[in-house]
Amino acid sequence: MPGTSAAEILVDKLPAYAGQPQRWSARIAYCDQAGRIRHLQAIHTDPDAAADAVQDRLDELGIR
C-alpha cells in the first residue's frame, strides 16, 4: 500500500574513529505515495536520537 511502512527502523553502530564520538545510524525502507521503494537514514551520536529522527521524518512525509 503506497505511503506506508511495515518495516522496523534498524539501528546500527557505525565504525568509530580516534578522537571522534561514537555514531549510530538508523534506517528504514518504505513505499512512497507513488509506490516507489525509498530509503531513509539518519546518523546521530545517540541511537535513540537517530531512531527518533527517522520516525520524525516519516511523520513529516505522512508515512504510517
N, C-alpha and C. Protein backbone atom coordinates (compact mmCIF):
# COMPACT_ATOMS: atom_id res chain seq x y z
N MET A 1 0.85 -1.17 0.00
CA MET A 1 0.00 0.00 0.00
C MET A 1 0.90 1.24 0.00
N PRO A 2 0.79 2.09 -0.98
CA PRO A 2 1.62 3.29 -1.05
C PRO A 2 1.44 4.21 0.16
N GLY A 3 2.54 4.80 0.58
CA GLY A 3 2.51 5.71 1.70
C GLY A 3 2.52 5.02 3.05
N THR A 4 2.98 3.77 3.07
CA THR A 4 3.02 3.04 4.33
C THR A 4 4.39 2.44 4.57
N SER A 5 4.62 2.08 5.81
CA SER A 5 5.87 1.44 6.19
C SER A 5 5.55 0.35 7.20
N ALA A 6 5.80 -0.90 6.83
CA ALA A 6 5.57 -2.01 7.74
C ALA A 6 6.89 -2.50 8.33
N ALA A 7 7.99 -1.92 7.90
CA ALA A 7 9.30 -2.36 8.34
C ALA A 7 9.70 -1.69 9.65
N GLU A 8 10.64 -2.29 10.32
CA GLU A 8 11.18 -1.72 11.54
C GLU A 8 12.30 -0.74 11.21
N ILE A 9 12.51 0.19 12.11
CA ILE A 9 13.67 1.08 11.98
C ILE A 9 14.88 0.31 12.49
N LEU A 10 15.89 0.17 11.65
CA LEU A 10 17.11 -0.56 12.01
C LEU A 10 18.16 0.43 12.52
N VAL A 11 18.74 0.12 13.69
CA VAL A 11 19.77 0.99 14.28
C VAL A 11 21.07 0.20 14.36
N ASP A 12 22.13 0.76 13.77
CA ASP A 12 23.44 0.11 13.74
C ASP A 12 24.51 1.06 14.26
N LYS A 13 25.52 0.48 14.91
CA LYS A 13 26.67 1.26 15.35
C LYS A 13 27.62 1.41 14.18
N LEU A 14 28.04 2.63 13.90
CA LEU A 14 28.97 2.88 12.81
C LEU A 14 30.41 2.73 13.31
N PRO A 15 31.36 2.51 12.42
CA PRO A 15 32.76 2.38 12.84
C PRO A 15 33.23 3.65 13.57
N ALA A 16 33.98 3.44 14.64
CA ALA A 16 34.50 4.56 15.43
C ALA A 16 35.88 4.97 14.90
N TYR A 17 36.15 6.26 14.96
CA TYR A 17 37.45 6.79 14.56
C TYR A 17 38.08 7.48 15.76
N ALA A 18 39.39 7.43 15.86
CA ALA A 18 40.10 8.01 17.00
C ALA A 18 39.73 9.48 17.18
N GLY A 19 39.37 9.84 18.39
CA GLY A 19 39.06 11.22 18.70
C GLY A 19 37.66 11.66 18.29
N GLN A 20 36.86 10.76 17.74
CA GLN A 20 35.51 11.09 17.31
C GLN A 20 34.49 10.37 18.20
N PRO A 21 33.35 10.98 18.45
CA PRO A 21 32.33 10.30 19.25
C PRO A 21 31.73 9.12 18.48
N GLN A 22 31.21 8.16 19.22
CA GLN A 22 30.54 7.02 18.59
C GLN A 22 29.31 7.52 17.84
N ARG A 23 29.10 6.99 16.63
CA ARG A 23 27.96 7.40 15.82
C ARG A 23 27.05 6.19 15.57
N TRP A 24 25.76 6.49 15.47
CA TRP A 24 24.75 5.48 15.23
C TRP A 24 23.94 5.84 13.99
N SER A 25 23.59 4.82 13.22
CA SER A 25 22.79 5.01 12.01
C SER A 25 21.44 4.34 12.20
N ALA A 26 20.38 5.07 11.89
CA ALA A 26 19.03 4.49 11.88
C ALA A 26 18.54 4.56 10.44
N ARG A 27 17.91 3.49 9.97
CA ARG A 27 17.47 3.48 8.57
C ARG A 27 16.19 2.66 8.43
N ILE A 28 15.48 2.97 7.36
CA ILE A 28 14.25 2.24 7.05
C ILE A 28 14.01 2.33 5.55
N ALA A 29 13.36 1.32 5.01
CA ALA A 29 12.90 1.33 3.62
C ALA A 29 11.37 1.41 3.68
N TYR A 30 10.79 2.25 2.83
CA TYR A 30 9.34 2.42 2.83
C TYR A 30 8.85 2.63 1.41
N CYS A 31 7.56 2.53 1.24
CA CYS A 31 6.92 2.71 -0.07
C CYS A 31 6.27 4.09 -0.08
N ASP A 32 6.65 4.95 -1.04
CA ASP A 32 6.10 6.31 -1.08
C ASP A 32 4.72 6.32 -1.74
N GLN A 33 4.14 7.51 -1.85
CA GLN A 33 2.79 7.67 -2.38
C GLN A 33 2.66 7.16 -3.82
N ALA A 34 3.75 7.20 -4.58
CA ALA A 34 3.73 6.75 -5.97
C ALA A 34 4.03 5.25 -6.10
N GLY A 35 4.23 4.57 -4.96
CA GLY A 35 4.51 3.14 -4.99
C GLY A 35 5.97 2.79 -5.14
N ARG A 36 6.85 3.78 -5.10
CA ARG A 36 8.29 3.52 -5.23
C ARG A 36 8.89 3.18 -3.86
N ILE A 37 9.86 2.31 -3.87
CA ILE A 37 10.56 1.98 -2.63
C ILE A 37 11.61 3.06 -2.38
N ARG A 38 11.58 3.63 -1.19
CA ARG A 38 12.51 4.69 -0.79
C ARG A 38 13.25 4.26 0.46
N HIS A 39 14.42 4.85 0.66
CA HIS A 39 15.24 4.57 1.84
C HIS A 39 15.48 5.87 2.58
N LEU A 40 15.44 5.80 3.89
CA LEU A 40 15.64 6.97 4.73
C LEU A 40 16.66 6.61 5.81
N GLN A 41 17.61 7.52 6.08
CA GLN A 41 18.67 7.26 7.06
C GLN A 41 18.96 8.52 7.85
N ALA A 42 19.30 8.33 9.13
CA ALA A 42 19.74 9.43 9.99
C ALA A 42 20.93 8.94 10.80
N ILE A 43 21.90 9.82 11.02
CA ILE A 43 23.09 9.48 11.79
C ILE A 43 23.20 10.46 12.95
N HIS A 44 23.37 9.90 14.17
CA HIS A 44 23.50 10.70 15.38
C HIS A 44 24.49 10.04 16.32
N THR A 45 24.86 10.75 17.38
CA THR A 45 25.75 10.17 18.38
C THR A 45 24.98 9.36 19.42
N ASP A 46 23.67 9.39 19.38
CA ASP A 46 22.82 8.64 20.30
C ASP A 46 21.88 7.75 19.49
N PRO A 47 21.79 6.46 19.80
CA PRO A 47 20.94 5.58 18.99
C PRO A 47 19.46 5.97 19.04
N ASP A 48 18.99 6.41 20.19
CA ASP A 48 17.58 6.81 20.29
C ASP A 48 17.30 8.06 19.47
N ALA A 49 18.25 8.99 19.45
CA ALA A 49 18.09 10.21 18.66
C ALA A 49 18.06 9.89 17.18
N ALA A 50 18.85 8.92 16.75
CA ALA A 50 18.86 8.52 15.34
C ALA A 50 17.51 7.92 14.96
N ALA A 51 16.98 7.03 15.80
CA ALA A 51 15.69 6.41 15.51
C ALA A 51 14.57 7.46 15.54
N ASP A 52 14.63 8.37 16.50
CA ASP A 52 13.62 9.44 16.58
C ASP A 52 13.65 10.33 15.35
N ALA A 53 14.84 10.61 14.83
CA ALA A 53 14.97 11.45 13.64
C ALA A 53 14.33 10.79 12.43
N VAL A 54 14.52 9.48 12.29
CA VAL A 54 13.89 8.76 11.18
C VAL A 54 12.37 8.76 11.35
N GLN A 55 11.90 8.50 12.58
CA GLN A 55 10.46 8.48 12.82
C GLN A 55 9.85 9.86 12.57
N ASP A 56 10.53 10.91 12.99
CA ASP A 56 10.03 12.27 12.76
C ASP A 56 9.92 12.58 11.27
N ARG A 57 10.91 12.15 10.49
CA ARG A 57 10.89 12.38 9.05
C ARG A 57 9.75 11.60 8.38
N LEU A 58 9.53 10.36 8.83
CA LEU A 58 8.40 9.59 8.30
C LEU A 58 7.08 10.29 8.60
N ASP A 59 6.97 10.82 9.81
CA ASP A 59 5.75 11.57 10.17
C ASP A 59 5.56 12.79 9.28
N GLU A 60 6.66 13.51 9.02
CA GLU A 60 6.60 14.68 8.15
C GLU A 60 6.13 14.31 6.73
N LEU A 61 6.56 13.15 6.27
CA LEU A 61 6.21 12.68 4.93
C LEU A 61 4.81 12.07 4.88
N GLY A 62 4.20 11.88 6.03
CA GLY A 62 2.87 11.27 6.08
C GLY A 62 2.88 9.76 5.92
N ILE A 63 4.01 9.14 6.21
CA ILE A 63 4.15 7.69 6.11
C ILE A 63 3.75 7.08 7.45
N ARG A 64 2.88 6.12 7.43
CA ARG A 64 2.41 5.49 8.68
C ARG A 64 2.92 4.08 8.79
